[in-house]
């Protein structure tokens, strides 16, 4: 996993892992739970959406907002407390 730059300082995204046709996004622990990881794929969300998420992750800005304001928020294929096995 790569650390997310979080240029705004206000993102809940903590890390990411880019694959050929997917991205895993790690969110920081909250007062309600530990860290959580979500896997998004071309098949579930579309190539254009995932490619845009990859660009935002690499830029270190806008990924959390994009996820929260687009249908991709509910289009993950797996989630868990660890990126292993997603």
Protein backbone atom coordinates (compact mmCIF):
# COMPACT_ATOMS: atom_id res chain seq x y z
CA UNK A 1 0.00 0.00 0.00
CA UNK A 2 1.14 3.52 -0.80
CA UNK A 3 0.52 6.35 1.63
CA UNK A 4 -2.00 8.88 0.35
CA UNK A 5 -0.49 12.39 0.30
CA UNK A 6 -3.69 14.02 1.60
CA UNK A 7 -2.72 17.47 0.35
CA UNK A 8 -5.84 19.05 1.84
CA UNK A 9 -5.15 17.56 5.25
CA UNK A 10 -8.84 16.67 5.59
CA UNK A 11 -9.15 13.34 3.77
CA UNK A 12 -10.14 10.08 5.39
CA UNK A 13 -8.12 8.23 2.75
CA UNK A 14 -4.89 6.96 4.28
CA UNK A 15 -3.49 4.66 1.59
CA UNK A 16 -4.07 3.07 -1.78
CA UNK A 17 -2.86 0.23 -3.97
CA UNK A 18 -3.19 0.44 -7.74
CA UNK A 19 -3.58 -2.67 -9.87
CA UNK A 20 -4.07 -3.08 -13.62
CA UNK A 21 -7.87 -3.11 -13.41
CA UNK A 22 -8.50 -2.09 -9.82
CA UNK A 23 -7.69 0.14 -6.89
CA UNK A 24 -7.79 -0.64 -3.19
CA UNK A 25 -8.41 2.39 -1.00
CA UNK A 26 -7.55 2.37 2.70
CA UNK A 27 -9.49 4.66 5.01
CA UNK A 28 -8.13 5.80 8.37
CA UNK A 29 -9.53 4.48 11.61
CA UNK A 30 -12.52 6.34 12.97
CA UNK A 31 -13.99 6.58 16.44
CA UNK A 32 -16.35 3.76 15.40
CA UNK A 33 -13.93 1.29 13.79
CA UNK A 34 -10.37 0.53 12.85
CA UNK A 35 -8.97 1.15 9.39
CA UNK A 36 -11.05 -0.21 6.51
CA UNK A 37 -10.03 -1.13 2.97
CA UNK A 38 -12.26 -1.12 -0.10
CA UNK A 39 -11.55 -2.75 -3.46
CA UNK A 40 -12.96 -1.13 -6.61
CA UNK A 41 -12.65 -2.77 -10.04
CA UNK A 42 -13.23 -2.00 -13.70
CA UNK A 43 -15.93 -4.69 -13.78
CA UNK A 44 -17.92 -3.17 -10.91
CA UNK A 45 -17.37 0.56 -11.45
CA UNK A 46 -16.19 0.99 -15.03
CA UNK A 47 -12.74 1.66 -16.42
CA UNK A 48 -13.15 5.44 -16.67
CA UNK A 49 -14.18 5.69 -13.02
CA UNK A 50 -11.32 3.53 -11.74
CA UNK A 51 -8.77 5.29 -13.95
CA UNK A 52 -9.96 8.63 -12.55
CA UNK A 53 -9.64 7.29 -9.00
CA UNK A 54 -6.10 6.16 -9.81
CA UNK A 55 -5.23 9.67 -11.01
CA UNK A 56 -6.65 11.24 -7.86
CA UNK A 57 -4.77 8.76 -5.66
CA UNK A 58 -1.48 9.53 -7.38
CA UNK A 59 -2.14 13.28 -7.12
CA UNK A 60 -2.89 12.97 -3.40
CA UNK A 61 -5.99 15.10 -3.59
CA UNK A 62 -9.71 14.67 -4.22
CA UNK A 63 -10.08 10.90 -3.86
CA UNK A 64 -12.20 10.94 -0.69
CA UNK A 65 -14.51 13.61 -2.10
CA UNK A 66 -14.86 11.74 -5.40
CA UNK A 67 -15.80 8.50 -3.67
CA UNK A 68 -18.32 10.22 -1.41
CA UNK A 69 -20.06 12.19 -4.16
CA UNK A 70 -20.30 9.52 -6.87
CA UNK A 71 -22.05 6.17 -7.23
CA UNK A 72 -18.66 4.47 -6.83
CA UNK A 73 -19.17 4.77 -3.06
CA UNK A 74 -21.40 1.69 -3.17
CA UNK A 75 -19.70 -0.08 -6.09
CA UNK A 76 -16.84 -1.72 -4.20
CA UNK A 77 -16.43 -5.47 -4.67
CA UNK A 78 -14.87 -6.24 -1.29
CA UNK A 79 -14.06 -4.54 1.99
CA UNK A 80 -12.22 -5.53 5.12
CA UNK A 81 -9.95 -4.50 7.96
CA UNK A 82 -6.86 -5.44 5.94
CA UNK A 83 -5.97 -5.15 2.24
CA UNK A 84 -4.75 -8.75 2.30
CA UNK A 85 -7.15 -11.06 0.58
CA UNK A 86 -9.39 -8.42 -0.99
